[in-house]
PDB file of N, CA and C in Angstrom:
ATOM      1  N   UNK A   1      92.069 110.255  99.596  1.00  0.00           N
ATOM      2  CA  UNK A   1      92.739 108.764  99.164  1.00  0.00           C
ATOM      3  C   UNK A   1      93.967 108.714  99.810  1.00  0.00           C
ATOM      4  N   UNK A   2      94.243 107.334 100.348  1.00  0.00           N
ATOM      5  CA  UNK A   2      95.556 107.099 100.957  1.00  0.00           C
ATOM      6  C   UNK A   2      96.345 106.693  99.790  1.00  0.00           C
ATOM      7  N   UNK A   3      97.741 106.667  99.885  1.00  0.00           N
ATOM      8  CA  UNK A   3      98.558 106.235  98.959  1.00  0.00           C
ATOM      9  C   UNK A   3      99.780 105.788  99.556  1.00  0.00           C
ATOM     10  N   UNK A   4     100.262 104.503  99.286  1.00  0.00           N
ATOM     11  CA  UNK A   4     101.437 103.884  99.848  1.00  0.00           C
ATOM     12  C   UNK A   4     102.616 104.273  98.904  1.00  0.00           C
ATOM     13  N   UNK A   5     103.630 104.865  99.483  1.00  0.00           N
ATOM     14  CA  UNK A   5     104.859 105.025  98.775  1.00  0.00           C
ATOM     15  C   UNK A   5     105.747 104.090  99.093  1.00  0.00           C
ATOM     16  N   UNK A   6     106.262 102.976  98.314  1.00  0.00           N
ATOM     17  CA  UNK A   6     106.922 102.012  98.637  1.00  0.00           C
ATOM     18  C   UNK A   6     108.295 102.321  98.187  1.00  0.00           C
ATOM     19  N   UNK A   7     109.365 102.378  99.004  1.00  0.00           N
ATOM     20  CA  UNK A   7     110.736 102.722  98.729  1.00  0.00           C
ATOM     21  C   UNK A   7     111.527 101.406  98.490  1.00  0.00           C
ATOM     22  N   UNK A   8     112.178 101.364  97.280  1.00  0.00           N
ATOM     23  CA  UNK A   8     113.044 100.471  96.798  1.00  0.00           C
ATOM     24  C   UNK A   8     114.591 101.049  96.599  1.00  0.00           C
ATOM     25  N   UNK A   9     115.411 100.249  97.065  1.00  0.00           N
ATOM     26  CA  UNK A   9     116.896 100.664  96.769  1.00  0.00           C
ATOM     27  C   UNK A   9     117.682  99.415  96.998  1.00  0.00           C
ATOM     28  N   UNK A  10     118.809  99.308  96.190  1.00  0.00           N
ATOM     29  CA  UNK A  10     119.785  98.348  96.394  1.00  0.00           C
ATOM     30  C   UNK A  10     120.399  98.397  97.706  1.00  0.00           C
ATOM     31  N   UNK A  11     120.241  97.321  98.315  1.00  0.00           N
ATOM     32  CA  UNK A  11     120.983  97.318  99.647  1.00  0.00           C
ATOM     33  C   UNK A  11     122.515  97.649  99.659  1.00  0.00           C
ATOM     34  N   UNK A  12     122.974  98.377 100.477  1.00  0.00           N
ATOM     35  CA  UNK A  12     124.390  98.777 100.162  1.00  0.00           C
ATOM     36  C   UNK A  12     124.766  99.954  99.394  1.00  0.00           C
ATOM     37  N   UNK A  13     123.698 100.503  98.659  1.00  0.00           N
ATOM     38  CA  UNK A  13     123.891 101.724  98.079  1.00  0.00           C
ATOM     39  C   UNK A  13     124.127 102.855  98.738  1.00  0.00           C
ATOM     40  N   UNK A  14     123.888 102.835 100.036  1.00  0.00           N
ATOM     41  CA  UNK A  14     124.205 104.100 100.734  1.00  0.00           C
ATOM     42  C   UNK A  14     125.197 103.696 101.735  1.00  0.00           C
ATOM     43  N   UNK A  15     126.136 104.639 101.954  1.00  0.00           N
ATOM     44  CA  UNK A  15     127.079 104.355 103.136  1.00  0.00           C
ATOM     45  C   UNK A  15     126.405 104.813 104.426  1.00  0.00           C
ATOM     46  N   UNK A  16     127.025 104.637 105.697  1.00  0.00           N
ATOM     47  CA  UNK A  16     126.219 105.044 106.813  1.00  0.00           C
ATOM     48  C   UNK A  16     125.893 106.439 107.040  1.00  0.00           C
ATOM     49  N   UNK A  17     126.860 107.347 106.630  1.00  0.00           N
ATOM     50  CA  UNK A  17     126.615 108.791 106.523  1.00  0.00           C
ATOM     51  C   UNK A  17     125.426 109.183 105.449  1.00  0.00           C
ATOM     52  N   UNK A  18     125.552 108.682 104.362  1.00  0.00           N
ATOM     53  CA  UNK A  18     124.427 108.996 103.467  1.00  0.00           C
ATOM     54  C   UNK A  18     122.960 108.287 104.014  1.00  0.00           C
ATOM     55  N   UNK A  19     123.110 107.183 104.744  1.00  0.00           N
ATOM     56  CA  UNK A  19     121.844 106.711 105.374  1.00  0.00           C
ATOM     57  C   UNK A  19     121.395 107.569 106.355  1.00  0.00           C
ATOM     58  N   UNK A  20     122.274 108.097 107.217  1.00  0.00           N
ATOM     59  CA  UNK A  20     121.856 108.946 108.116  1.00  0.00           C
ATOM     60  C   UNK A  20     121.209 110.319 107.743  1.00  0.00           C
ATOM     61  N   UNK A  21     121.944 110.811 106.648  1.00  0.00           N
ATOM     62  CA  UNK A  21     121.334 111.868 105.934  1.00  0.00           C
ATOM     63  C   UNK A  21     120.022 111.790 105.431  1.00  0.00           C
ATOM     64  N   UNK A  22     119.885 110.514 104.924  1.00  0.00           N
ATOM     65  CA  UNK A  22     118.464 110.163 104.324  1.00  0.00           C
ATOM     66  C   UNK A  22     117.415 110.055 105.288  1.00  0.00           C
ATOM     67  N   UNK A  23     117.758 109.562 106.550  1.00  0.00           N
ATOM     68  CA  UNK A  23     116.798 109.279 107.647  1.00  0.00           C
ATOM     69  C   UNK A  23     116.329 110.854 107.936  1.00  0.00           C
ATOM     70  N   UNK A  24     117.457 111.743 108.267  1.00  0.00           N
ATOM     71  CA  UNK A  24     117.171 112.999 108.629  1.00  0.00           C
ATOM     72  C   UNK A  24     116.319 113.821 107.683  1.00  0.00           C
ATOM     73  N   UNK A  25     116.549 113.653 106.500  1.00  0.00           N
ATOM     74  CA  UNK A  25     115.758 114.302 105.311  1.00  0.00           C
ATOM     75  C   UNK A  25     114.352 113.825 105.285  1.00  0.00           C
ATOM     76  N   UNK A  26     114.235 112.427 105.547  1.00  0.00           N
ATOM     77  CA  UNK A  26     113.001 111.818 105.405  1.00  0.00           C
ATOM     78  C   UNK A  26     112.173 112.356 106.593  1.00  0.00           C
ATOM     79  N   UNK A  27     112.731 112.468 107.666  1.00  0.00           N
ATOM     80  CA  UNK A  27     111.971 112.909 108.973  1.00  0.00           C
ATOM     81  C   UNK A  27     111.448 114.237 108.732  1.00  0.00           C
ATOM     82  N   UNK A  28     112.350 115.143 108.155  1.00  0.00           N
ATOM     83  CA  UNK A  28     111.946 116.487 107.912  1.00  0.00           C
ATOM     84  C   UNK A  28     110.693 116.412 106.913  1.00  0.00           C
ATOM     85  N   UNK A  29     110.727 115.609 105.870  1.00  0.00           N
ATOM     86  CA  UNK A  29     109.663 115.530 104.881  1.00  0.00           C
ATOM     87  C   UNK A  29     108.583 115.096 105.617  1.00  0.00           C
ATOM     88  N   UNK A  30     108.571 114.062 106.641  1.00  0.00           N
ATOM     89  CA  UNK A  30     107.612 113.598 107.172  1.00  0.00           C
ATOM     90  C   UNK A  30     106.739 114.730 108.030  1.00  0.00           C
ATOM     91  N   UNK A  31     107.722 115.555 108.654  1.00  0.00           N
ATOM     92  CA  UNK A  31     107.092 116.717 109.656  1.00  0.00           C
ATOM     93  C   UNK A  31     106.470 117.556 108.624  1.00  0.00           C
ATOM     94  N   UNK A  32     106.896 117.982 107.540  1.00  0.00           N
ATOM     95  CA  UNK A  32     106.294 119.024 106.480  1.00  0.00           C
ATOM     96  C   UNK A  32     104.846 118.316 106.208  1.00  0.00           C
ATOM     97  N   UNK A  33     104.686 116.991 105.846  1.00  0.00           N
ATOM     98  CA  UNK A  33     103.652 116.439 105.352  1.00  0.00           C
ATOM     99  C   UNK A  33     102.503 116.377 106.407  1.00  0.00           C
ATOM    100  N   UNK A  34     103.086 116.143 107.681  1.00  0.00           N
ATOM    101  CA  UNK A  34     102.208 116.271 108.919  1.00  0.00           C
ATOM    102  C   UNK A  34     101.610 117.560 109.156  1.00  0.00           C
ATOM    103  N   UNK A  35     102.336 118.801 108.763  1.00  0.00           N
ATOM    104  CA  UNK A  35     101.886 120.046 109.034  1.00  0.00           C
ATOM    105  C   UNK A  35     100.843 120.247 107.922  1.00  0.00           C
ATOM    106  N   UNK A  36     100.916 119.794 106.625  1.00  0.00           N
ATOM    107  CA  UNK A  36      99.926 119.993 105.744  1.00  0.00           C
ATOM    108  C   UNK A  36      98.666 119.105 105.679  1.00  0.00           C
ATOM    109  N   UNK A  37      98.927 118.093 106.760  1.00  0.00           N
ATOM    110  CA  UNK A  37      97.653 116.983 107.041  1.00  0.00           C
ATOM    111  C   UNK A  37      97.657 115.970 106.022  1.00  0.00           C
ATOM    112  N   UNK A  38      98.788 115.743 105.537  1.00  0.00           N
ATOM    113  CA  UNK A  38      98.662 114.519 104.466  1.00  0.00           C
ATOM    114  C   UNK A  38      99.440 113.456 104.929  1.00  0.00           C
ATOM    115  N   UNK A  39     100.343 113.474 106.215  1.00  0.00           N
ATOM    116  CA  UNK A  39     100.872 112.400 106.608  1.00  0.00           C
ATOM    117  C   UNK A  39     100.166 111.364 107.334  1.00  0.00           C
ATOM    118  N   UNK A  40     100.397 110.068 107.026  1.00  0.00           N
ATOM    119  CA  UNK A  40      99.708 109.127 107.827  1.00  0.00           C
ATOM    120  C   UNK A  40     100.925 108.382 108.701  1.00  0.00           C
ATOM    121  N   UNK A  41     101.786 107.867 107.936  1.00  0.00           N
ATOM    122  CA  UNK A  41     102.878 107.060 108.747  1.00  0.00           C
ATOM    123  C   UNK A  41     104.176 106.838 107.651  1.00  0.00           C
ATOM    124  N   UNK A  42     105.241 106.444 108.323  1.00  0.00           N
ATOM    125  CA  UNK A  42     106.370 106.387 107.438  1.00  0.00           C
ATOM    126  C   UNK A  42     107.435 105.658 108.360  1.00  0.00           C
ATOM    127  N   UNK A  43     108.173 104.774 107.688  1.00  0.00           N
ATOM    128  CA  UNK A  43     109.260 104.106 108.679  1.00  0.00           C
ATOM    129  C   UNK A  43     110.243 103.371 107.647  1.00  0.00           C
ATOM    130  N   UNK A  44     111.538 103.387 107.833  1.00  0.00           N
ATOM    131  CA  UNK A  44     112.347 102.605 107.008  1.00  0.00           C
ATOM    132  C   UNK A  44     112.165 101.040 107.419  1.00  0.00           C
ATOM    133  N   UNK A  45     112.736 100.259 106.825  1.00  0.00           N
ATOM    134  CA  UNK A  45     112.651  98.568 107.135  1.00  0.00           C
ATOM    135  C   UNK A  45     114.179  98.231 107.548  1.00  0.00           C
ATOM    136  N   UNK A  46     114.213  97.224 108.269  1.00  0.00           N
ATOM    137  CA  UNK A  46     115.306  96.418 108.518  1.00  0.00           C
ATOM    138  C   UNK A  46     115.870  95.914 107.290  1.00  0.00           C
ATOM    139  N   UNK A  47     117.067  95.517 106.876  1.00  0.00           N
ATOM    140  CA  UNK A  47     117.393  95.035 105.858  1.00  0.00           C
ATOM    141  C   UNK A  47     116.732  93.539 105.489  1.00  0.00           C
ATOM    142  N   UNK A  48     116.686  93.405 103.962  1.00  0.00           N
ATOM    143  CA  UNK A  48     116.006  92.238 103.452  1.00  0.00           C
ATOM    144  C   UNK A  48     116.345  91.037 104.312  1.00  0.00           C
ATOM    145  N   UNK A  49     117.646  90.798 104.846  1.00  0.00           N
ATOM    146  CA  UNK A  49     118.044  89.538 105.473  1.00  0.00           C
ATOM    147  C   UNK A  49     117.144  89.097 106.719  1.00  0.00           C
ATOM    148  N   UNK A  50     116.705  90.213 107.240  1.00  0.00           N
ATOM    149  CA  UNK A  50     115.834  90.063 108.363  1.00  0.00           C
ATOM    150  C   UNK A  50     114.299  89.700 108.112  1.00  0.00           C
ATOM    151  N   UNK A  51     114.054  89.679 106.774  1.00  0.00           N
ATOM    152  CA  UNK A  51     112.576  89.358 106.413  1.00  0.00           C
ATOM    153  C   UNK A  51     112.239  87.865 106.462  1.00  0.00           C
ATOM    154  N   UNK A  52     111.116  87.760 106.702  1.00  0.00           N
ATOM    155  CA  UNK A  52     110.472  86.280 106.689  1.00  0.00           C
ATOM    156  C   UNK A  52     109.189  86.238 105.831  1.00  0.00           C
ATOM    157  N   UNK A  53     109.224  85.448 104.869  1.00  0.00           N
ATOM    158  CA  UNK A  53     108.045  85.206 103.906  1.00  0.00           C
ATOM    159  C   UNK A  53     107.041  84.212 104.295  1.00  0.00           C
ATOM    160  N   UNK A  54     105.757  84.579 104.334  1.00  0.00           N
ATOM    161  CA  UNK A  54     104.868  83.229 104.526  1.00  0.00           C
ATOM    162  C   UNK A  54     103.970  83.105 103.445  1.00  0.00           C
ATOM    163  N   UNK A  55     103.746  81.809 102.841  1.00  0.00           N
ATOM    164  CA  UNK A  55     102.808  81.295 101.936  1.00  0.00           C
ATOM    165  C   UNK A  55     101.801  80.305 102.461  1.00  0.00           C
ATOM    166  N   UNK A  56     100.751  80.215 102.253  1.00  0.00           N
ATOM    167  CA  UNK A  56      99.742  79.199 102.554  1.00  0.00           C
ATOM    168  C   UNK A  56      99.236  78.529 101.214  1.00  0.00           C
ATOM    169  N   UNK A  57      99.551  77.530 101.275  1.00  0.00           N
ATOM    170  CA  UNK A  57      99.149  76.588  99.966  1.00  0.00           C
ATOM    171  C   UNK A  57      98.414  75.293 100.514  1.00  0.00           C
ATOM    172  N   UNK A  58      97.120  75.146 100.035  1.00  0.00           N
ATOM    173  CA  UNK A  58      96.340  73.900 100.376  1.00  0.00           C
ATOM    174  C   UNK A  58      96.335  73.794 101.934  1.00  0.00           C
ATOM    175  N   UNK A  59      96.185  74.871 102.584  1.00  0.00           N
ATOM    176  CA  UNK A  59      95.912  74.992 104.062  1.00  0.00           C
ATOM    177  C   UNK A  59      97.222  74.817 104.859  1.00  0.00           C
ATOM    178  N   UNK A  60      98.391  74.620 104.162  1.00  0.00           N
ATOM    179  CA  UNK A  60      99.709  74.423 104.811  1.00  0.00           C
ATOM    180  C   UNK A  60     100.472  75.900 104.663  1.00  0.00           C
ATOM    181  N   UNK A  61     101.183  76.140 105.881  1.00  0.00           N
ATOM    182  CA  UNK A  61     101.922  77.313 106.044  1.00  0.00           C
ATOM    183  C   UNK A  61     103.313  76.983 105.676  1.00  0.00           C
ATOM    184  N   UNK A  62     103.722  77.772 104.836  1.00  0.00           N
ATOM    185  CA  UNK A  62     105.359  77.752 104.422  1.00  0.00           C
ATOM    186  C   UNK A  62     105.838  78.850 104.962  1.00  0.00           C
ATOM    187  N   UNK A  63     106.961  78.818 105.691  1.00  0.00           N
ATOM    188  CA  UNK A  63     107.799  80.047 106.189  1.00  0.00           C
ATOM    189  C   UNK A  63     109.192  80.001 105.597  1.00  0.00           C
ATOM    190  N   UNK A  64     109.621  81.017 104.861  1.00  0.00           N
ATOM    191  CA  UNK A  64     111.029  81.073 104.373  1.00  0.00           C
ATOM    192  C   UNK A  64     111.615  82.270 104.745  1.00  0.00           C
ATOM    193  N   UNK A  65     113.006  82.071 105.082  1.00  0.00           N
ATOM    194  CA  UNK A  65     113.893  83.197 105.312  1.00  0.00           C
ATOM    195  C   UNK A  65     113.961  84.251 104.137  1.00  0.00           C
ATOM    196  N   UNK A  66     113.963  85.419 104.398  1.00  0.00           N
ATOM    197  CA  UNK A  66     114.163  86.415 103.219  1.00  0.00           C
ATOM    198  C   UNK A  66     113.013  86.913 102.538  1.00  0.00           C
ATOM    199  N   UNK A  67     113.167  87.902 101.764  1.00  0.00           N
ATOM    200  CA  UNK A  67     112.074  88.351 100.862  1.00  0.00           C
ATOM    201  C   UNK A  67     111.585  87.448  99.866  1.00  0.00           C
ATOM    202  N   UNK A  68     110.326  87.570  99.486  1.00  0.00           N
ATOM    203  CA  UNK A  68     109.693  86.695  98.403  1.00  0.00           C
ATOM    204  C   UNK A  68     110.375  86.872  97.203  1.00  0.00           C
ATOM    205  N   UNK A  69     110.656  88.136  96.671  1.00  0.00           N
ATOM    206  CA  UNK A  69     111.001  88.452  95.411  1.00  0.00           C
ATOM    207  C   UNK A  69     112.568  88.412  95.343  1.00  0.00           C
ATOM    208  N   UNK A  70     113.184  87.925  94.217  1.00  0.00           N
ATOM    209  CA  UNK A  70     114.609  87.946  94.127  1.00  0.00           C
ATOM    210  C   UNK A  70     114.882  89.166  93.262  1.00  0.00           C
ATOM    211  N   UNK A  71     115.214  90.188  93.756  1.00  0.00           N
ATOM    212  CA  UNK A  71     115.606  91.485  93.042  1.00  0.00           C
ATOM    213  C   UNK A  71     116.890  92.060  93.472  1.00  0.00           C
ATOM    214  N   UNK A  72     117.372  92.935  92.634  1.00  0.00           N
ATOM    215  CA  UNK A  72     118.654  93.840  93.200  1.00  0.00           C
ATOM    216  C   UNK A  72     118.194  94.793  94.243  1.00  0.00           C
ATOM    217  N   UNK A  73     116.837  95.442  93.959  1.00  0.00           N
ATOM    218  CA  UNK A  73     116.307  96.453  94.746  1.00  0.00           C
ATOM    219  C   UNK A  73     115.558  95.846  95.651  1.00  0.00           C
ATOM    220  N   UNK A  74     115.670  96.152  97.020  1.00  0.00           N
ATOM    221  CA  UNK A  74     114.660  95.659  98.151  1.00  0.00           C
ATOM    222  C   UNK A  74     113.793  96.654  98.644  1.00  0.00           C
ATOM    223  N   UNK A  75     112.743  96.356  99.163  1.00  0.00           N
ATOM    224  CA  UNK A  75     111.764  97.219  99.861  1.00  0.00           C
ATOM    225  C   UNK A  75     112.461  97.724 100.997  1.00  0.00           C
ATOM    226  N   UNK A  76     112.644  99.145 101.261  1.00  0.00           N
ATOM    227  CA  UNK A  76     113.641  99.461 102.124  1.00  0.00           C
ATOM    228  C   UNK A  76     112.828 100.440 103.292  1.00  0.00           C
ATOM    229  N   UNK A  77     111.494 100.727 102.885  1.00  0.00           N
ATOM    230  CA  UNK A  77     110.756 101.632 103.704  1.00  0.00           C
ATOM    231  C   UNK A  77     109.440 102.054 103.076  1.00  0.00           C
ATOM    232  N   UNK A  78     108.648 102.810 103.699  1.00  0.00           N
ATOM    233  CA  UNK A  78     107.306 103.438 103.166  1.00  0.00           C
ATOM    234  C   UNK A  78     107.037 104.739 103.695  1.00  0.00           C
ATOM    235  N   UNK A  79     106.198 105.391 103.065  1.00  0.00           N
ATOM    236  CA  UNK A  79     105.461 106.400 103.549  1.00  0.00           C
ATOM    237  C   UNK A  79     103.964 106.242 103.241  1.00  0.00           C
ATOM    238  N   UNK A  80     103.009 106.520 104.062  1.00  0.00           N
ATOM    239  CA  UNK A  80     101.641 106.307 103.961  1.00  0.00           C
ATOM    240  C   UNK A  80     101.032 107.718 104.198  1.00  0.00           C
ATOM    241  N   UNK A  81     100.548 108.293 103.042  1.00  0.00           N
ATOM    242  CA  UNK A  81      99.945 109.524 102.992  1.00  0.00           C
ATOM    243  C   UNK A  81      98.546 109.643 102.635  1.00  0.00           C
ATOM    244  N   UNK A  82      97.906 110.773 102.878  1.00  0.00           N
ATOM    245  CA  UNK A  82      96.607 110.992 102.528  1.00  0.00           C
ATOM    246  C   UNK A  82      96.771 112.102 101.423  1.00  0.00           C
ATOM    247  N   UNK A  83      96.474 111.927 100.243  1.00  0.00           N
ATOM    248  CA  UNK A  83      96.643 112.798  99.098  1.00  0.00           C
ATOM    249  C   UNK A  83      95.354 113.058  98.286  1.00  0.00           C
ATOM    250  N   UNK A  84      95.189 114.251  97.802  1.00  0.00           N
ATOM    251  CA  UNK A  84      93.845 114.500  96.986  1.00  0.00           C
ATOM    252  C   UNK A  84      93.848 113.848  95.764  1.00  0.00           C
ATOM    253  N   UNK A  85      95.063 113.559  95.025  1.00  0.00           N
ATOM    254  CA  UNK A  85      95.099 112.698  93.787  1.00  0.00           C
ATOM    255  C   UNK A  85      96.463 112.189  93.512  1.00  0.00           C
ATOM    256  N   UNK A  86      96.496 111.462  92.500  1.00  0.00           N
ATOM    257  CA  UNK A  86      97.991 110.699  92.090  1.00  0.00           C
ATOM    258  C   UNK A  86      98.861 111.658  91.962  1.00  0.00           C
ATOM    259  N   UNK A  87      98.733 112.936  91.284  1.00  0.00           N
ATOM    260  CA  UNK A  87      99.670 113.836  91.120  1.00  0.00           C
ATOM    261  C   UNK A  87     100.201 114.467  92.460  1.00  0.00           C
ATOM    262  N   UNK A  88      99.494 114.499  93.352  1.00  0.00           N
ATOM    263  CA  UNK A  88      99.950 115.044  94.629  1.00  0.00           C
ATOM    264  C   UNK A  88     100.755 113.890  95.146  1.00  0.00           C
ATOM    265  N   UNK A  89     100.400 112.763  95.175  1.00  0.00           N
ATOM    266  CA  UNK A  89     101.168 111.546  95.758  1.00  0.00           C
ATOM    267  C   UNK A  89     102.529 111.510  94.987  1.00  0.00           C
ATOM    268  N   UNK A  90     102.545 111.603  93.654  1.00  0.00           N
ATOM    269  CA  UNK A  90     103.814 111.585  92.745  1.00  0.00           C
ATOM    270  C   UNK A  90     104.748 112.817  93.316  1.00  0.00           C
ATOM    271  N   UNK A  91     104.111 113.940  93.641  1.00  0.00           N
ATOM    272  CA  UNK A  91     105.040 115.196  93.942  1.00  0.00           C
ATOM    273  C   UNK A  91     105.630 114.650  95.222  1.00  0.00           C
ATOM    274  N   UNK A  92     104.839 114.057  96.399  1.00  0.00           N
ATOM    275  CA  UNK A  92     105.594 113.551  97.534  1.00  0.00           C
ATOM    276  C   UNK A  92     106.522 112.661  97.233  1.00  0.00           C
ATOM    277  N   UNK A  93     106.397 111.687  96.470  1.00  0.00           N
ATOM    278  CA  UNK A  93     107.261 110.607  96.328  1.00  0.00           C
ATOM    279  C   UNK A  93     108.628 110.937  95.442  1.00  0.00           C
ATOM    280  N   UNK A  94     108.402 112.051  94.751  1.00  0.00           N
ATOM    281  CA  UNK A  94     109.807 112.768  94.134  1.00  0.00           C
ATOM    282  C   UNK A  94     110.649 113.286  95.118  1.00  0.00           C
ATOM    283  N   UNK A  95     109.941 113.808  96.333  1.00  0.00           N
ATOM    284  CA  UNK A  95     110.766 114.437  97.234  1.00  0.00           C
ATOM    285  C   UNK A  95     111.603 113.364  98.396  1.00  0.00           C
ATOM    286  N   UNK A  96     111.038 112.091  98.280  1.00  0.00           N
ATOM    287  CA  UNK A  96     111.649 111.127  99.279  1.00  0.00           C
ATOM    288  C   UNK A  96     113.208 111.017  98.730  1.00  0.00           C
ATOM    289  N   UNK A  97     114.145 111.340  99.596  1.00  0.00           N
ATOM    290  CA  UNK A  97     115.505 111.178  99.128  1.00  0.00           C
ATOM    291  C   UNK A  97     115.930 109.894  98.490  1.00  0.00           C
ATOM    292  N   UNK A  98     115.508 108.735  98.693  1.00  0.00           N
ATOM    293  CA  UNK A  98     115.864 107.444  97.908  1.00  0.00           C
ATOM    294  C   UNK A  98     115.334 107.652  96.542  1.00  0.00           C
ATOM    295  N   UNK A  99     114.322 108.398  96.071  1.00  0.00           N
ATOM    296  CA  UNK A  99     114.109 108.621  94.844  1.00  0.00           C
ATOM    297  C   UNK A  99     115.334 109.109  93.832  1.00  0.00           C
ATOM    298  N   UNK A 100     116.215 109.604  94.603  1.00  0.00           N
ATOM    299  CA  UNK A 100     117.415 110.043  93.783  1.00  0.00           C
ATOM    300  C   UNK A 100     118.368 108.806  93.452  1.00  0.00           C
ATOM    301  N   UNK A 101     118.325 107.703  94.144  1.00  0.00           N
ATOM    302  CA  UNK A 101     119.095 106.666  93.930  1.00  0.00           C
ATOM    303  C   UNK A 101     118.440 105.356  93.537  1.00  0.00           C
ATOM    304  N   UNK A 102     117.099 105.217  93.905  1.00  0.00           N
ATOM    305  CA  UNK A 102     116.380 103.980  93.817  1.00  0.00           C
ATOM    306  C   UNK A 102     115.112 104.194  93.240  1.00  0.00           C
ATOM    307  N   UNK A 103     114.193 103.594  93.739  1.00  0.00           N
ATOM    308  CA  UNK A 103     112.633 103.699  93.146  1.00  0.00           C
ATOM    309  C   UNK A 103     111.678 104.042  94.227  1.00  0.00           C
ATOM    310  N   UNK A 104     110.752 104.773  93.974  1.00  0.00           N
ATOM    311  CA  UNK A 104     109.508 105.013  94.952  1.00  0.00           C
ATOM    312  C   UNK A 104     108.440 104.616  94.085  1.00  0.00           C
ATOM    313  N   UNK A 105     107.529 103.433  94.374  1.00  0.00           N
ATOM    314  CA  UNK A 105     106.534 102.905  93.943  1.00  0.00           C
ATOM    315  C   UNK A 105     105.332 103.466  94.571  1.00  0.00           C
ATOM    316  N   UNK A 106     104.327 104.270  93.674  1.00  0.00           N
ATOM    317  CA  UNK A 106     103.136 104.763  94.468  1.00  0.00           C
ATOM    318  C   UNK A 106     101.995 104.037  94.144  1.00  0.00           C
ATOM    319  N   UNK A 107     101.270 103.667  95.138  1.00  0.00           N
ATOM    320  CA  UNK A 107     100.062 102.737  94.848  1.00  0.00           C
ATOM    321  C   UNK A 107      98.905 103.313  95.757  1.00  0.00           C
ATOM    322  N   UNK A 108      97.726 103.417  95.178  1.00  0.00           N
ATOM    323  CA  UNK A 108      96.594 103.878  95.975  1.00  0.00           C
ATOM    324  C   UNK A 108      96.283 102.728  96.996  1.00  0.00           C
ATOM    325  N   UNK A 109      95.711 102.866  97.961  1.00  0.00           N
ATOM    326  CA  UNK A 109      95.370 102.072  99.190  1.00  0.00           C
ATOM    327  C   UNK A 109      93.931 101.691  98.883  1.00  0.00           C
ATOM    328  N   UNK A 110      93.598 100.418  99.000  1.00  0.00           N
ATOM    329  CA  UNK A 110      92.184  99.986  99.127  1.00  0.00           C
ATOM    330  C   UNK A 110      91.697 100.096 100.506  1.00  0.00           C
ATOM    331  N   UNK A 111      90.745 101.026 100.871  1.00  0.00           N
ATOM    332  CA  UNK A 111      90.331 101.234 102.293  1.00  0.00           C
ATOM    333  C   UNK A 111      89.047 100.356 102.703  1.00  0.00           C
ATOM    334  N   UNK A 112      89.376  99.401 103.350  1.00  0.00           N
ATOM    335  CA  UNK A 112      88.273  98.384 103.663  1.00  0.00           C
ATOM    336  C   UNK A 112      87.589  98.958 104.828  1.00  0.00           C
ATOM    337  N   UNK A 113      86.247  98.943 104.765  1.00  0.00           N
ATOM    338  CA  UNK A 113      85.368  99.435 105.952  1.00  0.00           C
ATOM    339  C   UNK A 113      85.543  98.138 107.015  1.00  0.00           C
ATOM    340  N   UNK A 114      85.528  98.571 108.216  1.00  0.00           N
ATOM    341  CA  UNK A 114      85.467  97.663 109.268  1.00  0.00           C
ATOM    342  C   UNK A 114      86.790  97.272 109.936  1.00  0.00           C
ATOM    343  N   UNK A 115      87.848  97.749 109.346  1.00  0.00           N
ATOM    344  CA  UNK A 115      89.332  97.564 109.944  1.00  0.00           C
ATOM    345  C   UNK A 115      89.526  98.467 111.104  1.00  0.00           C
ATOM    346  N   UNK A 116      90.314  98.012 112.141  1.00  0.00           N
ATOM    347  CA  UNK A 116      90.503  98.629 113.203  1.00  0.00           C
ATOM    348  C   UNK A 116      90.956 100.269 112.990  1.00  0.00           C
ATOM    349  N   UNK A 117      90.515 101.072 113.743  1.00  0.00           N
ATOM    350  CA  UNK A 117      90.991 102.431 113.615  1.00  0.00           C
ATOM    351  C   UNK A 117      90.279 103.256 112.635  1.00  0.00           C
ATOM    352  N   UNK A 118      89.115 102.883 112.301  1.00  0.00           N
ATOM    353  CA  UNK A 118      88.227 103.715 111.165  1.00  0.00           C
ATOM    354  C   UNK A 118      86.940 104.120 111.997  1.00  0.00           C
TER     355      UNK A 118
END
């Protein structure tokens, strides 16, 4: 089953050296997961200020700058993995460097048949 590991962190919590170390450690983790056959994808995201939110109400599209949620911690990146169960996904989440300063939310993915790439 696929699990999405959503990485939340207060923006500005890492200085540039810490961010680069986090990227290097995350890249190493991704390679380890790839070797085990559980890696699907991973990427950090640009800052929340670069986000654009879209809502459709009554057939009309509303576009606003910024993330939808007003919180201190922002979605900063993700890992998409193939894990045998939730415990394995939680073990991987605990190894993501940002888990030491922020939060990693683990969610099972609904795999819809008929999507591209299946």
